[in-house]
């Protein structure tokens, strides 16, 4: 028998890998795996950032669009842009058309109170006809983390929540804006009585308005008994109390010595409005909401933009952390000045200088003197600068400190850490710091600044 002996080299080849070789191979595999995981993690994180940035941009644009739409209608009445008799300024004051605001003839205090919402300075009828005061068209409120100027709306309007960090509270350090305007497209056209298809006025045996709605007008039943009526043409407007009986409105409880209401059927494009419904009150503020919507909240909180219309609060968009307004008017020297809400309301700028109110332009003295003149600058606002700070809502704990920095120009024009801002997200508002934040801003020209 012949025995074949394998060589040493052949036996080594048949023996497999040594322990050292296996360890080296394992380390190399781990390095490759770590690289793959790192790339995957980086890509996944980048995708999350991009997705959150896209959502943030979309929601920010929607919030700005909503605000712009209401601000464009602010102070709007009927025939606002047809011109009028502007007052002659004295002492270099502003021109302003006094005819653009309605005269209130009603003595029905309850109906007057029910026609307005979110009123922080109650409008008490003085017992004589009066012009709707300027602060009833627009009023803003600037808030720090602890107080608001000129007032905190929550002290008089219970449905506007107090500031706090709990769900349902108003976000600390955010502004509030209330504005009013006549709802576009509302009302009934006033025509001759001989026209069987349109509403008309009759002064026989009293003052009545018979509603005959046309195809694009609301039914007569929409005018509720006890609502205030506003009769207007392109020169003036008057508000008075009526009772509604099957679509026939009868003027009542007004000032008999003031010849009100006047028959405007021969005026320029006369129109009747349900003042209690068609003269809308719109208020914007931020409310704390739970990101995941659980009750009680089991996750992080965020701010949501709320739009109140005639006392009905409707959330528009979440992820809004800050909201600020600056109000622009042209002063007696022709310069545009941006003021805080408190400066507009008080008529005194930050340096203690008085800002002259617009002239009434021949307004009958009893009417303009019947109501307090505080806040008269609100009717001179021509532009509003809006600032919104949007955040991504879902915390990203992989963000570096530099990636959490952001600019919010009401605080500073440079990049700052969340804790360095005037209103701190975590400490003051209860929101996480580990969020992507971006500012949105716009300047809106008020086409109806001359109410």
Protein backbone atom coordinates (compact mmCIF):
# COMPACT_ATOMS: atom_id res chain seq x y z
CA UNK A 1 0.00 0.00 0.00
CA UNK A 2 1.26 3.42 -0.95
CA UNK A 3 0.52 6.38 1.39
CA UNK A 4 0.29 9.89 -0.03
CA UNK A 5 1.28 12.61 2.37
CA UNK A 6 -0.17 16.08 1.86
CA UNK A 7 2.22 18.92 1.93
CA UNK A 8 2.16 21.35 4.85
CA UNK A 9 0.91 24.14 2.54
CA UNK A 10 -1.95 21.98 1.32
CA UNK A 11 -2.99 21.11 4.86
CA UNK A 12 -2.98 24.77 5.83
CA UNK A 13 -5.20 25.59 2.88
CA UNK A 14 -7.67 22.95 3.96
CA UNK A 15 -7.69 24.18 7.58
CA UNK A 16 -9.85 27.37 6.81
CA UNK A 17 -9.51 30.87 8.32
CA UNK A 18 -7.59 31.57 11.44
CA UNK A 19 -9.13 33.46 14.37
CA UNK A 20 -7.16 36.60 13.54
CA UNK A 21 -8.34 36.52 9.95
CA UNK A 22 -11.93 36.13 11.05
CA UNK A 23 -11.63 39.06 13.45
CA UNK A 24 -10.14 41.24 10.74
CA UNK A 25 -12.94 40.29 8.35
CA UNK A 26 -15.55 40.96 11.04
CA UNK A 27 -14.12 44.39 11.79
CA UNK A 28 -14.11 45.26 8.11
CA UNK A 29 -17.72 44.13 7.79
CA UNK A 30 -18.70 46.25 10.80
CA UNK A 31 -16.98 49.30 9.29
CA UNK A 32 -18.87 48.82 6.02
CA UNK A 33 -22.16 48.27 7.90
CA UNK A 34 -21.57 51.36 10.01
CA UNK A 35 -21.01 53.38 6.87
CA UNK A 36 -24.20 52.07 5.31
CA UNK A 37 -26.18 52.80 8.51
CA UNK A 38 -24.67 56.28 8.72
CA UNK A 39 -25.64 57.05 5.13
CA UNK A 40 -29.14 55.65 5.70
CA UNK A 41 -29.58 57.63 8.92
CA UNK A 42 -28.32 60.80 7.30
CA UNK A 43 -30.60 60.32 4.31
CA UNK A 44 -33.58 59.53 6.55
CA UNK A 45 -32.91 62.60 8.71
CA UNK A 46 -32.54 64.76 5.61
CA UNK A 47 -35.82 63.44 4.26
CA UNK A 48 -37.57 64.24 7.55
CA UNK A 49 -36.17 67.77 7.51
CA UNK A 50 -37.24 68.28 3.91
CA UNK A 51 -40.74 66.92 4.61
CA UNK A 52 -41.14 69.13 7.66
CA UNK A 53 -39.82 72.17 5.79
CA UNK A 54 -42.31 71.54 2.96
CA UNK A 55 -45.21 71.28 5.42
CA UNK A 56 -44.00 74.34 7.30
CA UNK A 57 -43.80 76.38 4.09
CA UNK A 58 -47.27 75.31 2.98
CA UNK A 59 -48.88 76.07 6.34
CA UNK A 60 -47.05 79.40 6.63
CA UNK A 61 -48.28 80.51 3.22
CA UNK A 62 -51.84 79.51 4.14
CA UNK A 63 -51.70 81.49 7.39
CA UNK A 64 -50.38 84.60 5.60
CA UNK A 65 -53.01 84.22 2.86
CA UNK A 66 -55.84 84.06 5.42
CA UNK A 67 -54.62 87.16 7.21
CA UNK A 68 -54.14 89.08 3.98
CA UNK A 69 -57.68 88.29 2.83
CA UNK A 70 -59.26 89.70 6.00
CA UNK A 71 -56.91 92.68 6.24
CA UNK A 72 -57.76 93.58 2.65
CA UNK A 73 -61.42 93.86 3.73
CA UNK A 74 -60.72 95.63 7.05
CA UNK A 75 -62.78 98.80 7.66
CA UNK A 76 -64.83 98.00 4.58
CA UNK A 77 -68.26 99.53 4.29
CA UNK A 78 -70.57 100.07 1.38
CA UNK A 79 -69.24 102.03 -1.61
CA UNK A 80 -65.96 102.61 0.26
CA UNK A 81 -63.86 103.36 -2.78
CA UNK A 82 -66.11 105.87 -4.49
CA UNK A 83 -64.52 108.91 -2.86
CA UNK A 84 -66.27 111.49 -0.71
CA UNK A 85 -65.81 114.82 0.99
CA UNK A 86 -62.42 114.77 2.65
CA UNK A 87 -61.93 117.18 5.51
CA UNK A 88 -59.68 120.22 5.26
CA UNK A 89 -56.71 119.57 7.55
CA UNK A 90 -55.74 122.05 10.21
CA UNK A 91 -52.25 122.25 11.68
CA UNK A 92 -50.88 119.77 9.16
CA UNK A 93 -53.15 116.90 10.22
CA UNK A 94 -54.34 114.02 8.06
CA UNK A 95 -57.09 114.12 5.47
CA UNK A 96 -59.90 111.69 6.14
CA UNK A 97 -63.36 111.26 4.67
CA UNK A 98 -65.89 111.46 7.49
CA UNK A 99 -68.76 110.15 5.34
CA UNK A 100 -67.43 106.61 5.30
CA UNK A 101 -68.62 105.63 8.77
CA UNK A 102 -72.32 105.04 9.50
CA UNK A 103 -74.39 107.12 11.88
CA UNK A 104 -76.09 105.09 14.61
CA UNK A 105 -79.67 106.21 15.27
CA UNK A 106 -80.90 103.22 17.25
CA UNK A 107 -81.71 103.55 20.95
CA UNK A 108 -81.89 99.79 21.40
CA UNK A 109 -78.87 99.15 23.62
CA UNK A 110 -79.34 95.37 23.52
CA UNK A 111 -79.45 95.24 19.72
CA UNK A 112 -76.38 97.47 19.50
CA UNK A 113 -74.46 95.26 21.94
CA UNK A 114 -75.49 92.09 20.08
CA UNK A 115 -74.33 93.50 16.74
CA UNK A 116 -70.69 93.61 17.84
CA UNK A 117 -68.40 90.89 19.16
CA UNK A 118 -65.03 90.87 20.95
CA UNK A 119 -65.50 94.44 22.20
CA UNK A 120 -62.95 95.36 24.88
CA UNK A 121 -64.10 98.98 25.30
CA UNK A 122 -67.90 98.84 25.53
CA UNK A 123 -69.70 101.26 23.23
CA UNK A 124 -72.38 102.88 25.38
CA UNK A 125 -74.93 104.78 23.27
CA UNK A 126 -74.83 108.42 24.41
CA UNK A 127 -78.55 109.14 23.96
CA UNK A 128 -78.11 111.08 20.70
CA UNK A 129 -77.20 109.98 17.14
CA UNK A 130 -73.50 109.20 16.95
CA UNK A 131 -70.91 108.09 14.43
CA UNK A 132 -69.44 104.61 14.79
CA UNK A 133 -66.12 105.27 16.59
CA UNK A 134 -62.80 104.43 14.96
CA UNK A 135 -61.74 101.76 17.45
CA UNK A 136 -64.82 99.73 16.52
CA UNK A 137 -63.40 99.17 13.04
CA UNK A 138 -60.02 97.88 14.17
CA UNK A 139 -58.12 97.38 17.39
CA UNK A 140 -54.90 95.50 18.08
CA UNK A 141 -53.27 94.21 21.26
CA UNK A 142 -49.55 93.57 21.78
CA UNK A 143 -48.69 91.04 24.47
CA UNK A 144 -45.55 90.09 26.36
CA UNK A 145 -45.40 86.81 28.27
CA UNK A 146 -47.31 88.34 31.19
CA UNK A 147 -49.42 91.32 30.02
CA UNK A 148 -51.03 93.02 27.02
CA UNK A 149 -51.34 96.63 25.84
CA UNK A 150 -53.58 98.56 25.52
CA UNK A 151 -55.76 95.84 27.12
CA UNK A 152 -55.95 92.08 27.52
CA UNK A 153 -59.09 91.02 25.60
CA UNK A 154 -59.67 88.11 27.97
CA UNK A 155 -60.63 90.54 30.74
CA UNK A 156 -63.80 91.52 28.83
CA UNK A 157 -64.25 88.73 26.25
CA UNK A 158 -64.46 85.38 28.03
CA UNK A 159 -64.30 83.37 24.79
CA UNK A 160 -60.81 84.71 24.08
CA UNK A 161 -58.77 82.55 26.50
CA UNK A 162 -56.18 83.86 28.96
CA UNK A 163 -52.48 83.34 28.30
CA UNK A 164 -50.87 80.10 29.43
CA UNK A 165 -49.00 76.98 28.31
CA UNK A 166 -51.84 74.47 28.78
CA UNK A 167 -53.90 73.23 25.85
CA UNK A 168 -56.70 75.71 25.09
CA UNK A 169 -54.91 78.73 26.55
CA UNK A 170 -53.73 81.67 24.47
CA UNK A 171 -50.07 81.39 23.47
CA UNK A 172 -47.90 83.67 25.59
CA UNK A 173 -46.16 86.61 23.95
CA UNK A 174 -48.41 86.77 20.88
CA UNK A 175 -50.52 89.63 19.53
CA UNK A 176 -54.25 89.81 18.89
CA UNK A 177 -56.07 91.75 16.19
CA UNK A 178 -59.79 92.48 15.89
CA UNK A 179 -61.15 94.05 12.73
CA UNK A 180 -64.60 94.66 11.30
CA UNK A 181 -66.00 95.08 7.84
CA UNK A 182 -69.20 94.78 5.88
CA UNK A 183 -69.42 91.30 4.41
CA UNK A 184 -68.79 91.55 0.66
CA UNK A 185 -71.74 90.63 -1.52
CA UNK A 186 -74.33 90.95 1.26
CA UNK A 187 -77.47 93.05 1.41
CA UNK A 188 -80.51 93.83 -0.72
CA UNK A 189 -80.65 96.39 -3.53
CA UNK A 190 -83.26 99.14 -3.05
CA UNK A 191 -85.27 100.01 -6.16
CA UNK A 192 -88.50 101.82 -6.97
CA UNK A 193 -91.74 100.50 -5.49
CA UNK A 194 -93.07 100.02 -9.00
CA UNK A 195 -90.39 97.40 -9.67
CA UNK A 196 -92.02 94.10 -8.60
CA UNK A 197 -88.73 92.20 -8.50
CA UNK A 198 -86.76 94.35 -6.03
CA UNK A 199 -86.90 95.66 -2.46
CA UNK A 200 -88.35 99.13 -1.93
CA UNK A 201 -88.94 101.85 0.69
CA UNK A 202 -92.33 103.26 1.64
CA UNK A 203 -92.84 106.38 3.78
CA UNK A 204 -96.65 106.22 3.77
CA UNK A 205 -97.87 106.00 7.34
CA UNK A 206 -94.37 105.44 8.71
CA UNK A 207 -91.10 104.09 7.34
CA UNK A 208 -91.05 100.55 6.01
CA UNK A 209 -88.78 98.53 3.76
CA UNK A 210 -90.27 95.59 1.90
CA UNK A 211 -87.74 92.92 1.03
CA UNK A 212 -88.06 91.32 -2.39
CA UNK A 213 -84.84 89.33 -2.75
CA UNK A 214 -83.36 89.04 -6.20
CA UNK A 215 -81.68 85.89 -7.48
CA UNK A 216 -78.27 86.65 -5.91
CA UNK A 217 -79.63 87.97 -2.60
CA UNK A 218 -80.39 86.26 0.72
CA UNK A 219 -84.01 85.37 1.54
CA UNK A 220 -86.00 87.87 3.56
CA UNK A 221 -86.22 85.35 6.43
CA UNK A 222 -82.46 85.81 7.01
CA UNK A 223 -83.23 89.23 8.48
CA UNK A 224 -84.17 88.29 12.04
CA UNK A 225 -86.61 90.30 14.07
CA UNK A 226 -84.63 92.53 16.44
CA UNK A 227 -81.59 92.88 14.17
CA UNK A 228 -80.31 96.32 13.27
CA UNK A 229 -80.77 97.56 9.71
CA UNK A 230 -78.23 99.64 7.80
CA UNK A 231 -79.48 101.68 4.87
CA UNK A 232 -76.64 103.08 2.78
CA UNK A 233 -75.81 104.68 -0.54
CA UNK A 234 -72.48 105.86 -1.91
CA UNK A 235 -72.49 108.98 0.28
CA UNK A 236 -73.74 108.00 3.70
CA UNK A 237 -75.02 105.15 5.86
CA UNK A 238 -77.47 105.00 8.75
CA UNK A 239 -78.13 102.25 11.27
CA UNK A 240 -81.52 101.95 12.97
CA UNK A 241 -83.77 99.48 14.78
CA UNK A 242 -86.48 97.59 12.93
CA UNK A 243 -89.04 94.88 13.46
CA UNK A 244 -89.54 92.23 10.76
CA UNK A 245 -92.98 90.97 9.83
CA UNK A 246 -92.96 88.53 6.90
CA UNK A 247 -90.20 90.42 5.12
CA UNK A 248 -91.52 93.92 5.79
CA UNK A 249 -89.19 95.91 8.04
CA UNK A 250 -90.69 98.69 10.16
CA UNK A 251 -88.38 101.30 11.69
CA UNK A 252 -88.89 101.73 15.42
CA UNK A 253 -87.24 102.86 18.65
CA UNK A 254 -85.12 105.52 16.90
CA UNK A 255 -84.67 109.25 17.42
CA UNK A 256 -87.86 110.96 16.21
CA UNK A 257 -86.27 114.41 16.17
CA UNK A 258 -83.39 113.35 13.90
CA UNK A 259 -85.53 112.50 10.84
CA UNK A 260 -84.09 109.01 10.84
CA UNK A 261 -84.09 106.90 8.94
CA UNK A 262 -83.89 109.05 5.84
CA UNK A 263 -85.27 107.82 2.54
CA UNK A 264 -82.20 107.06 0.43
CA UNK A 265 -84.07 105.40 -2.41
CA UNK A 266 -83.13 108.27 -4.74
CA UNK A 267 -79.46 108.14 -3.74
CA UNK A 268 -76.58 106.50 -5.57
CA UNK A 269 -77.09 102.72 -5.62
CA UNK A 270 -78.95 102.45 -2.28
CA UNK A 271 -78.72 99.12 -0.48
CA UNK A 272 -80.05 97.62 2.74
CA UNK A 273 -77.98 95.40 5.06
CA UNK A 274 -78.67 93.32 8.14
CA UNK A 275 -76.13 95.22 10.22
CA UNK A 276 -76.21 92.68 13.08
CA UNK A 277 -75.09 89.90 10.74
CA UNK A 278 -73.44 91.51 7.70
CA UNK A 279 -71.11 93.82 9.66
CA UNK A 280 -68.64 91.11 10.62
CA UNK A 281 -66.23 90.98 13.55
CA UNK A 282 -63.05 88.99 12.83
CA UNK A 283 -60.44 88.33 15.55
CA UNK A 284 -57.10 86.55 15.13
CA UNK A 285 -55.12 85.02 18.01
CA UNK A 286 -52.95 81.97 18.77
CA UNK A 287 -54.15 79.11 20.95
CA UNK A 288 -52.14 76.22 22.48
CA UNK A 289 -52.97 72.85 20.86
CA UNK A 290 -51.74 69.27 21.26
CA UNK A 291 -49.68 68.07 18.29
CA UNK A 292 -51.05 64.51 18.36
CA UNK A 293 -54.58 65.59 19.29
CA UNK A 294 -54.91 63.35 22.37
CA UNK A 295 -56.99 64.29 25.43
CA UNK A 296 -55.35 64.76 27.84
CA UNK A 297 -52.37 65.78 25.73
CA UNK A 298 -49.69 63.07 25.72
CA UNK A 299 -47.21 64.75 23.39
CA UNK A 300 -45.67 68.12 22.64
CA UNK A 301 -47.84 71.20 22.21
CA UNK A 302 -47.86 73.79 19.46
CA UNK A 303 -49.69 76.98 18.59
CA UNK A 304 -52.67 77.14 16.24
CA UNK A 305 -53.95 80.23 14.46
CA UNK A 306 -57.58 80.89 15.39
CA UNK A 307 -59.98 83.02 13.34
CA UNK A 308 -63.10 84.14 15.22
CA UNK A 309 -66.02 85.35 13.11
CA UNK A 310 -68.89 86.96 15.02
CA UNK A 311 -67.93 85.05 18.16
CA UNK A 312 -67.37 81.64 16.53
CA UNK A 313 -63.75 80.45 16.92
CA UNK A 314 -62.35 78.39 14.05
CA UNK A 315 -58.79 76.96 14.09
CA UNK A 316 -57.05 77.57 10.76
CA UNK A 317 -53.55 76.11 10.90
CA UNK A 318 -51.17 74.61 13.47
CA UNK A 319 -47.49 75.20 13.96
CA UNK A 320 -47.80 78.96 14.50
CA UNK A 321 -45.60 79.98 17.42
CA UNK A 322 -45.50 83.78 17.24
CA UNK A 323 -47.82 86.46 15.81
CA UNK A 324 -47.02 90.16 15.75
CA UNK A 325 -48.41 93.25 14.02
CA UNK A 326 -47.06 96.74 13.35
CA UNK A 327 -49.40 99.49 12.19
CA UNK A 328 -48.38 102.01 9.54
CA UNK A 329 -49.85 105.46 9.07
CA UNK A 330 -48.76 108.58 7.22
CA UNK A 331 -48.14 111.42 9.65
CA UNK A 332 -48.67 115.16 9.18
CA UNK A 333 -45.28 115.45 7.45
CA UNK A 334 -46.10 112.76 4.90
CA UNK A 335 -43.82 110.16 6.49
CA UNK A 336 -44.88 106.56 7.03
CA UNK A 337 -44.58 105.53 10.65
CA UNK A 338 -45.00 102.04 12.05
CA UNK A 339 -46.45 102.02 15.54
CA UNK A 340 -47.35 99.49 18.20
CA UNK A 341 -50.99 98.86 19.07
CA UNK A 342 -50.60 100.80 22.31
CA UNK A 343 -49.14 103.82 20.47
CA UNK A 344 -52.01 103.82 17.98
CA UNK A 345 -54.59 103.45 20.75
CA UNK A 346 -53.15 106.18 22.98
CA UNK A 347 -52.05 108.56 20.22
CA UNK A 348 -48.59 108.87 21.81
CA UNK A 349 -45.45 107.44 20.22
CA UNK A 350 -42.58 105.70 22.00
CA UNK A 351 -40.81 109.03 22.60
CA UNK A 352 -43.82 110.54 24.34
CA UNK A 353 -44.87 112.72 21.39
CA UNK A 354 -48.57 113.15 20.70
CA UNK A 355 -49.83 112.03 17.29
CA UNK A 356 -52.63 114.19 15.94
CA UNK A 357 -55.84 112.44 14.95
CA UNK A 358 -57.45 112.93 11.54
CA UNK A 359 -59.96 115.73 11.15
CA UNK A 360 -63.66 115.04 10.92
CA UNK A 361 -64.08 117.10 7.75
CA UNK A 362 -67.23 118.99 8.64
CA UNK A 363 -68.75 116.27 10.79
CA UNK A 364 -71.65 117.61 12.89
CA UNK A 365 -70.11 118.30 16.27
CA UNK A 366 -72.77 116.53 18.38
CA UNK A 367 -72.15 113.29 16.49
CA UNK A 368 -68.37 113.26 16.73
CA UNK A 369 -68.39 114.51 20.32
CA UNK A 370 -70.97 111.96 21.42
CA UNK A 371 -68.40 109.16 21.66
CA UNK A 372 -64.93 109.23 23.25
CA UNK A 373 -62.12 110.05 20.81
CA UNK A 374 -59.61 107.62 22.30
CA UNK A 375 -58.30 105.32 19.58
CA UNK A 376 -59.18 107.69 16.74
CA UNK A 377 -55.88 106.83 14.99
CA UNK A 378 -57.17 103.38 14.15
CA UNK A 379 -59.09 104.85 11.22
CA UNK A 380 -55.85 106.34 9.86
CA UNK A 381 -54.00 103.02 9.56
CA UNK A 382 -52.97 102.50 5.93
CA UNK A 383 -50.68 99.46 6.14
CA UNK A 384 -50.21 96.56 8.54
CA UNK A 385 -46.95 94.65 8.84
CA UNK A 386 -47.57 91.00 9.78
CA UNK A 387 -44.97 88.67 11.33
CA UNK A 388 -45.59 84.94 11.84
CA UNK A 389 -43.15 82.40 13.25
CA UNK A 390 -43.86 78.89 12.02
CA UNK A 391 -42.40 75.71 13.57
CA UNK A 392 -42.24 72.10 12.42
CA UNK A 393 -44.33 70.73 15.36
CA UNK A 394 -42.53 67.35 15.55
CA UNK A 395 -39.31 67.58 17.62
CA UNK A 396 -36.06 66.45 15.95
CA UNK A 397 -33.56 65.64 18.66
CA UNK A 398 -30.78 65.17 16.11
CA UNK A 399 -30.71 68.92 15.38
CA UNK A 400 -27.49 70.64 16.37
CA UNK A 401 -27.61 73.91 18.36
CA UNK A 402 -26.73 75.83 15.21
CA UNK A 403 -29.59 74.20 13.30
CA UNK A 404 -32.08 75.30 15.97
CA UNK A 405 -31.14 78.99 15.61
CA UNK A 406 -33.62 81.23 13.79
CA UNK A 407 -34.43 84.85 12.94
CA UNK A 408 -37.59 86.57 14.14
CA UNK A 409 -37.29 90.23 13.25
CA UNK A 410 -39.55 91.65 16.01
CA UNK A 411 -36.84 90.28 18.37
CA UNK A 412 -33.66 90.66 16.30
CA UNK A 413 -32.42 90.65 12.70
CA UNK A 414 -29.70 88.09 13.47
CA UNK A 415 -29.79 84.33 14.01
CA UNK A 416 -30.38 83.52 17.67
CA UNK A 417 -30.78 80.43 19.80
CA UNK A 418 -34.33 79.76 21.02
CA UNK A 419 -33.42 80.78 24.57
CA UNK A 420 -32.01 84.12 23.37
CA UNK A 421 -35.26 85.46 21.88
CA UNK A 422 -37.57 87.89 23.66
CA UNK A 423 -40.18 85.13 23.93
CA UNK A 424 -38.49 81.77 24.59
CA UNK A 425 -40.27 78.73 23.16
CA UNK A 426 -39.49 76.26 25.95
CA UNK A 427 -39.30 78.45 29.03
CA UNK A 428 -42.12 80.90 28.20
CA UNK A 429 -44.48 79.02 25.88
CA UNK A 430 -43.93 75.35 26.72
CA UNK A 431 -42.88 74.35 23.17
CA UNK A 432 -39.83 72.13 22.47
CA UNK A 433 -36.62 73.86 21.39
CA UNK A 434 -35.68 71.03 18.98
CA UNK A 435 -37.79 72.30 16.10
CA UNK A 436 -37.22 73.90 12.72
CA UNK A 437 -38.47 77.51 12.78
CA UNK A 438 -38.97 80.01 9.98
CA UNK A 439 -40.40 83.52 9.88
CA UNK A 440 -43.09 84.63 7.43
CA UNK A 441 -43.84 88.30 6.96
CA UNK A 442 -45.96 90.50 4.73
CA UNK A 443 -47.06 94.13 4.49
CA UNK A 444 -50.73 94.61 3.62
CA UNK A 445 -52.07 97.89 2.25
CA UNK A 446 -55.56 98.63 3.61
CA UNK A 447 -57.64 99.83 0.71
CA UNK A 448 -60.39 100.78 3.17
CA UNK A 449 -58.24 102.79 5.56
CA UNK A 450 -60.70 105.69 5.15
CA UNK A 451 -63.84 104.28 6.82
